[in-house]
Amino acid sequence: MSRFVLLAVSVVAALLASAGPAPSTDRPPDGQPRVALPAGTFRVGDRVLVALDGWPAGVVQVEVCGNDGRRGALDCATDRASGGHVPATGNARMPVLLAAPPVACPCRLRVQTPSGVTTASVALPLTGVSAPVASTAGSPPELALAGVHAVDESGVGGWFGLPGELTVRITLHNPGHVDVVEPPVTLLAGSPGQVHTMVAAPPVGTIPGGQSREYVVRVPLSATTLGRYEVHGLIEPASGPLPFVVATARHPWGLLVVPAALLVLLLFSLPGRPRASATSSATPTGTSVAGTPDRRRASAGRGRHRGVRR
């Protein structure tokens, strides 16, 4: 019996040793996208298999960030990011080359859609980083998204599915005292689940402290644009990313109303049943014709008068 117990203990110990530590993951709330890495420590230049679960279908961008990604794009190796595609199931496994971040660790692996609306990250134990520590002198310039509004300016042509234009107005406000200079802006447009079309972003320039600026973006709408149409934006100042989504709906009802109106007009213009003859058989008041009671009474009266004369 003792030999059997020793053998069982040895088998269990071997299984536990082969299992190794659990994969690295920062588990978000249920329903949110998740990112997971294999267990262990990595070096710059390693290629790792990243697991994505619960993501919207489409393109994602994977990048290494230093300084725990506190300052957004300023801490991330965005220029050496890896790209991948998530299928409709929302789950994907993609190899990612670990690039050196622009600032020292602690590091994170950040995954986001190109518009930045959907994002998630996981702690990345990374060695071989020689970048300097992120500067903590003063706070980064602040920027706030004061408003975003979209108007379909296709006019009457939009009722008939003709090409048009969607105007998006973006208002940015600098609540601090330090000027915000040229924050990166990314704009994508398309139908829900297919927001892949790049849209030219306007130059932001410099937004002085305490002031606001409004920017107008014109998004072309093709004849095939039907139903809901979305514009995803991502503004990345040093104070942190500012994602937004604005949408409109395009329904060419004119393509249905006009044919229906023409059909109604056609039905009313068709000839009806033949009308009755305009000649009436009714006798006007005060007149009589042969064979009628009035005519018979008149004849009888004339006969009586003739008899009196005789």
Protein backbone atom coordinates (compact mmCIF):
# COMPACT_ATOMS: atom_id res chain seq x y z
CA MET A 1 0.00 0.00 0.00
CA SER A 2 2.83 2.37 0.82
CA ARG A 3 4.33 1.86 -2.63
CA PHE A 4 0.96 2.66 -4.22
CA VAL A 5 0.63 5.87 -2.18
CA LEU A 6 4.15 6.97 -3.10
CA LEU A 7 3.44 6.28 -6.78
CA ALA A 8 0.19 8.34 -6.68
CA VAL A 9 1.94 11.25 -4.99
CA SER A 10 4.70 11.17 -7.62
CA VAL A 11 2.17 11.25 -10.46
CA VAL A 12 0.28 14.21 -8.99
CA ALA A 13 3.50 16.14 -8.42
CA ALA A 14 4.59 15.51 -11.99
CA LEU A 15 1.26 16.76 -13.35
CA LEU A 16 1.46 19.94 -11.27
CA ALA A 17 5.01 20.59 -12.40
CA SER A 18 4.12 20.11 -16.06
CA ALA A 19 1.15 22.46 -15.80
CA GLY A 20 3.39 25.40 -14.88
CA PRO A 21 2.13 28.81 -13.80
CA ALA A 22 -1.14 30.23 -15.17
CA PRO A 23 -1.05 32.57 -18.19
CA SER A 24 -0.72 36.28 -17.48
CA THR A 25 -4.07 38.04 -17.81
CA ASP A 26 -5.78 41.07 -16.36
CA ARG A 27 -9.36 39.86 -16.22
CA PRO A 28 -11.80 42.72 -17.00
CA PRO A 29 -15.50 42.70 -16.09
CA ASP A 30 -17.71 40.19 -17.85
CA GLY A 31 -18.63 41.17 -21.39
CA GLN A 32 -15.46 43.25 -21.88
CA PRO A 33 -12.63 42.26 -24.28
CA ARG A 34 -9.82 40.24 -22.74
CA VAL A 35 -6.11 39.87 -23.48
CA ALA A 36 -3.92 37.01 -22.25
CA LEU A 37 -0.21 36.16 -22.56
CA PRO A 38 1.71 32.94 -21.95
CA ALA A 39 3.28 32.66 -18.51
CA GLY A 40 6.86 33.77 -17.96
CA THR A 41 9.18 36.68 -18.66
CA PHE A 42 9.96 37.97 -22.14
CA ARG A 43 12.72 39.91 -23.84
CA VAL A 44 12.56 42.62 -26.47
CA GLY A 45 12.48 40.93 -29.87
CA ASP A 46 10.61 37.82 -28.67
CA ARG A 47 7.57 36.66 -30.58
CA VAL A 48 4.67 35.67 -28.33
CA LEU A 49 1.22 34.26 -28.96
CA VAL A 50 -1.42 36.70 -27.73
CA ALA A 51 -4.93 35.42 -26.97
CA LEU A 52 -7.91 37.73 -27.57
CA ASP A 53 -11.43 36.91 -26.39
CA GLY A 54 -14.67 38.87 -26.59
CA TRP A 55 -13.51 41.40 -29.19
CA PRO A 56 -15.59 42.98 -31.96
CA ALA A 57 -14.92 41.59 -35.42
CA GLY A 58 -12.37 43.56 -37.38
CA VAL A 59 -8.81 44.85 -37.23
CA VAL A 60 -6.91 45.29 -33.96
CA GLN A 61 -3.57 46.91 -33.16
CA VAL A 62 -1.17 45.41 -30.60
CA GLU A 63 1.67 47.51 -29.13
CA VAL A 64 4.15 47.48 -26.26
CA CYS A 65 3.90 50.35 -23.78
CA GLY A 66 6.31 51.46 -21.07
CA ASN A 67 5.50 53.51 -17.98
CA ASP A 68 2.49 51.22 -17.53
CA GLY A 69 0.88 53.04 -20.47
CA ARG A 70 -0.15 55.95 -18.23
CA ARG A 71 0.30 58.62 -20.92
CA GLY A 72 -1.26 56.73 -23.78
CA ALA A 73 0.53 56.92 -27.13
CA LEU A 74 3.51 58.77 -25.62
CA ASP A 75 4.48 55.62 -23.72
CA CYS A 76 3.81 53.10 -26.51
CA ALA A 77 5.82 51.85 -29.49
CA THR A 78 2.98 52.75 -31.84
CA ASP A 79 5.22 52.98 -34.91
CA ARG A 80 6.20 49.30 -34.43
CA ALA A 81 2.77 47.97 -33.53
CA SER A 82 1.51 44.62 -34.82
CA GLY A 83 -1.81 44.24 -36.60
CA GLY A 84 -4.25 41.38 -36.67
CA HIS A 85 -7.82 40.47 -37.56
CA VAL A 86 -10.52 39.21 -35.20
CA PRO A 87 -13.19 37.00 -36.82
CA ALA A 88 -16.90 37.17 -36.13
CA THR A 89 -16.52 34.79 -33.18
CA GLY A 90 -14.63 37.52 -31.29
CA ASN A 91 -11.75 35.18 -30.42
CA ALA A 92 -8.29 35.14 -31.99
CA ARG A 93 -4.73 33.96 -31.39
CA MET A 94 -2.05 36.04 -33.06
CA PRO A 95 1.76 36.11 -32.90
CA VAL A 96 3.17 39.49 -31.82
CA LEU A 97 6.76 40.72 -32.02
CA LEU A 98 7.64 42.53 -28.80
CA ALA A 99 9.18 45.89 -29.71
CA ALA A 100 11.09 48.11 -27.30
CA PRO A 101 8.87 50.83 -25.78
CA PRO A 102 9.98 54.49 -25.90
CA VAL A 103 10.17 54.66 -22.07
CA ALA A 104 11.22 52.26 -19.35
CA CYS A 105 9.00 49.64 -17.74
CA PRO A 106 6.74 48.69 -15.95
CA CYS A 107 5.40 47.59 -19.32
CA ARG A 108 2.03 46.57 -20.67
CA LEU A 109 0.81 45.02 -23.89
CA ARG A 110 -2.03 47.20 -25.21
CA VAL A 111 -4.59 46.00 -27.75
CA GLN A 112 -7.13 48.33 -29.34
CA THR A 113 -9.24 48.81 -32.42
CA PRO A 114 -7.86 51.42 -34.86
CA SER A 115 -10.36 53.99 -33.60
CA GLY A 116 -9.43 53.32 -29.97
CA VAL A 117 -13.06 52.87 -28.94
CA THR A 118 -12.38 49.30 -27.78
CA THR A 119 -9.14 48.78 -25.84
CA ALA A 120 -7.64 46.43 -23.26
CA SER A 121 -4.18 45.74 -21.88
CA VAL A 122 -2.25 43.19 -19.82
CA ALA A 123 0.88 43.40 -17.69
CA LEU A 124 3.99 42.48 -19.71
CA PRO A 125 7.10 41.27 -17.83
CA LEU A 126 9.72 42.54 -20.32
CA THR A 127 13.51 42.66 -20.09
CA GLY A 128 16.07 44.23 -22.38
CA VAL A 129 14.49 47.69 -22.28
CA SER A 130 17.14 50.44 -22.29
CA ALA A 131 14.79 53.41 -22.72
CA PRO A 132 14.88 56.17 -20.06
CA VAL A 133 12.30 56.51 -17.34
CA ALA A 134 9.30 58.62 -18.32
CA SER A 135 9.60 62.23 -17.25
CA THR A 136 7.46 63.23 -14.29
CA ALA A 137 8.30 66.94 -14.40
CA GLY A 138 4.98 68.72 -14.33
CA SER A 139 1.66 67.33 -15.50
CA PRO A 140 1.01 66.71 -19.21
CA PRO A 141 -1.14 69.18 -21.12
CA GLU A 142 -4.83 68.42 -20.73
CA LEU A 143 -7.43 68.16 -23.45
CA ALA A 144 -11.15 67.47 -23.26
CA LEU A 145 -13.69 66.46 -25.88
CA ALA A 146 -16.30 69.21 -25.42
CA GLY A 147 -18.68 67.99 -28.10
CA VAL A 148 -19.11 65.97 -31.27
CA HIS A 149 -22.05 66.20 -33.65
CA ALA A 150 -22.85 64.69 -37.06
CA VAL A 151 -25.27 66.04 -39.71
CA ASP A 152 -26.19 64.31 -42.97
CA GLU A 153 -26.05 67.06 -45.59
CA SER A 154 -27.01 64.90 -48.56
CA GLY A 155 -30.23 66.90 -48.95
CA VAL A 156 -32.99 65.65 -51.23
CA GLY A 157 -30.52 63.42 -53.03
CA GLY A 158 -30.16 61.33 -49.89
CA TRP A 159 -33.86 60.41 -50.15
CA PHE A 160 -33.07 58.70 -53.44
CA GLY A 161 -29.81 57.00 -52.45
CA LEU A 162 -27.57 59.45 -54.29
CA PRO A 163 -24.01 60.13 -53.05
CA GLY A 164 -23.85 62.76 -50.33
CA GLU A 165 -21.80 64.02 -47.42
CA LEU A 166 -21.78 63.67 -43.65
CA THR A 167 -20.44 66.64 -41.70
CA VAL A 168 -18.89 65.89 -38.31
CA ARG A 169 -18.16 68.80 -35.98
CA ILE A 170 -15.66 68.15 -33.18
CA THR A 171 -15.09 70.63 -30.35
CA LEU A 172 -11.93 70.32 -28.25
CA HIS A 173 -11.30 72.29 -25.05
CA ASN A 174 -8.02 72.85 -23.24
CA PRO A 175 -8.91 73.31 -19.54
CA GLY A 176 -5.29 73.68 -18.40
CA HIS A 177 -2.66 76.37 -18.70
CA VAL A 178 -0.24 74.55 -21.03
CA ASP A 179 -0.79 74.63 -24.80
CA VAL A 180 -1.74 71.36 -26.49
CA VAL A 181 0.21 70.97 -29.74
CA GLU A 182 -0.85 68.68 -32.60
CA PRO A 183 -2.35 65.66 -30.79
CA PRO A 184 -2.63 62.64 -33.10
CA VAL A 185 -6.10 62.09 -34.56
CA THR A 186 -7.42 58.90 -36.20
CA LEU A 187 -10.79 58.70 -37.96
CA LEU A 188 -12.51 55.64 -39.41
CA ALA A 189 -15.96 55.32 -40.98
CA GLY A 190 -18.30 52.56 -42.07
CA SER A 191 -21.34 50.47 -41.22
CA PRO A 192 -21.54 48.87 -37.75
CA GLY A 193 -19.01 46.06 -37.53
CA GLN A 194 -17.30 47.26 -40.74
CA VAL A 195 -15.75 50.56 -39.68
CA HIS A 196 -12.55 50.24 -41.74
CA THR A 197 -12.51 53.25 -44.12
CA MET A 198 -9.88 55.83 -43.23
CA VAL A 199 -11.07 59.44 -43.14
CA ALA A 200 -8.70 62.39 -43.52
CA ALA A 201 -8.37 64.11 -40.15
CA PRO A 202 -8.13 67.91 -40.01
CA PRO A 203 -4.91 69.47 -38.66
CA VAL A 204 -5.49 70.23 -34.99
CA GLY A 205 -2.66 72.73 -34.61
CA THR A 206 -2.18 74.38 -31.22
CA ILE A 207 -4.97 74.77 -28.68
CA PRO A 208 -3.94 77.41 -26.12
CA GLY A 209 -4.73 76.92 -22.46
CA GLY A 210 -8.29 77.81 -21.50
CA GLN A 211 -9.52 77.92 -25.11
CA SER A 212 -11.64 75.75 -27.38
CA ARG A 213 -11.40 74.90 -31.06
CA GLU A 214 -13.99 73.44 -33.44
CA TYR A 215 -12.98 71.19 -36.32
CA VAL A 216 -15.13 70.16 -39.28
CA VAL A 217 -14.68 66.75 -40.90
CA ARG A 218 -16.47 65.96 -44.16
CA VAL A 219 -17.15 62.28 -44.71
CA PRO A 220 -18.34 61.24 -48.20
CA LEU A 221 -21.40 58.98 -48.38
CA SER A 222 -21.62 56.69 -51.38
CA ALA A 223 -24.79 55.46 -53.09
CA THR A 224 -24.36 52.11 -51.31
CA THR A 225 -24.52 53.71 -47.85
CA LEU A 226 -27.78 52.45 -46.33
CA GLY A 227 -28.95 52.24 -42.74
CA ARG A 228 -26.73 53.18 -39.79
CA TYR A 229 -23.35 54.72 -40.60
CA GLU A 230 -20.70 55.36 -37.92
CA VAL A 231 -17.59 57.49 -37.57
CA HIS A 232 -15.08 56.32 -34.93
CA GLY A 233 -12.49 58.82 -33.75
CA LEU A 234 -9.47 58.69 -31.48
CA ILE A 235 -7.63 61.79 -30.25
CA GLU A 236 -4.44 61.08 -28.31
CA PRO A 237 -3.10 63.99 -26.29
CA ALA A 238 -0.47 63.41 -23.61
CA SER A 239 -3.14 63.48 -20.91
CA GLY A 240 -4.78 60.32 -22.28
CA PRO A 241 -6.76 59.04 -25.28
CA LEU A 242 -10.14 60.55 -26.17
CA PRO A 243 -12.21 58.05 -28.18
CA PHE A 244 -15.65 58.85 -29.60
CA VAL A 245 -18.33 57.40 -31.86
CA VAL A 246 -20.90 59.41 -33.79
CA ALA A 247 -23.50 57.95 -36.13
CA THR A 248 -26.27 58.77 -38.57
CA ALA A 249 -28.93 56.75 -40.38
CA ARG A 250 -29.57 56.89 -44.12
CA HIS A 251 -32.85 55.53 -45.54
CA PRO A 252 -33.68 56.36 -49.19
CA TRP A 253 -37.44 56.41 -48.70
CA GLY A 254 -37.85 58.35 -51.94
CA LEU A 255 -37.10 55.21 -53.92
CA LEU A 256 -40.31 53.73 -52.45
CA VAL A 257 -42.55 56.82 -52.19
CA VAL A 258 -42.13 58.04 -55.78
CA PRO A 259 -43.07 54.71 -57.47
CA ALA A 260 -46.06 54.41 -55.12
CA ALA A 261 -47.22 57.94 -56.00
CA LEU A 262 -46.84 57.25 -59.73
CA LEU A 263 -48.88 54.06 -59.35
CA VAL A 264 -51.71 55.97 -57.62
CA LEU A 265 -51.73 58.63 -60.37
CA LEU A 266 -51.82 55.91 -63.01
CA LEU A 267 -54.80 54.23 -61.38
CA PHE A 268 -56.75 57.50 -61.20
CA SER A 269 -55.98 58.32 -64.84
CA LEU A 270 -57.42 55.06 -66.19
CA PRO A 271 -60.89 55.42 -68.03
CA GLY A 272 -63.89 54.45 -65.86
CA ARG A 273 -67.16 52.67 -66.75
CA PRO A 274 -69.31 54.09 -69.66
CA ARG A 275 -71.67 56.76 -68.37
CA ALA A 276 -75.48 56.72 -69.04
CA SER A 277 -76.90 58.67 -72.06
CA ALA A 278 -77.35 62.39 -71.47
CA THR A 279 -80.90 62.25 -72.99
CA SER A 280 -83.47 61.89 -70.20
CA SER A 281 -86.88 60.23 -70.61
CA ALA A 282 -88.40 62.37 -67.87
CA THR A 283 -91.00 64.92 -68.95
CA PRO A 284 -90.44 68.54 -67.84
CA THR A 285 -92.98 70.02 -65.44
CA GLY A 286 -95.98 71.63 -67.15
CA THR A 287 -95.69 69.67 -70.43
CA SER A 288 -97.42 66.57 -71.65
CA VAL A 289 -96.97 64.07 -74.40
CA ALA A 290 -99.34 61.83 -76.29
CA GLY A 291 -100.60 58.91 -74.33
CA THR A 292 -100.10 60.54 -70.96
CA PRO A 293 -102.98 61.30 -68.53
CA ASP A 294 -102.51 65.05 -69.11
CA ARG A 295 -102.97 64.63 -72.88
CA ARG A 296 -106.11 62.52 -72.47
CA ARG A 297 -107.72 65.06 -70.14
CA ALA A 298 -106.98 67.88 -72.60
CA SER A 299 -108.66 65.96 -75.52
CA ALA A 300 -111.76 65.23 -73.47
CA GLY A 301 -112.15 68.92 -72.61
CA ARG A 302 -112.07 69.99 -76.27
CA GLY A 303 -114.78 67.47 -77.12
CA ARG A 304 -117.18 68.87 -74.50
CA HIS A 305 -116.72 72.41 -75.79
CA ARG A 306 -117.55 71.35 -79.35
CA GLY A 307 -120.74 69.72 -78.18
CA VAL A 308 -121.99 72.89 -76.51
CA ARG A 309 -121.60 74.91 -79.69
CA ARG A 310 -123.79 72.48 -81.54
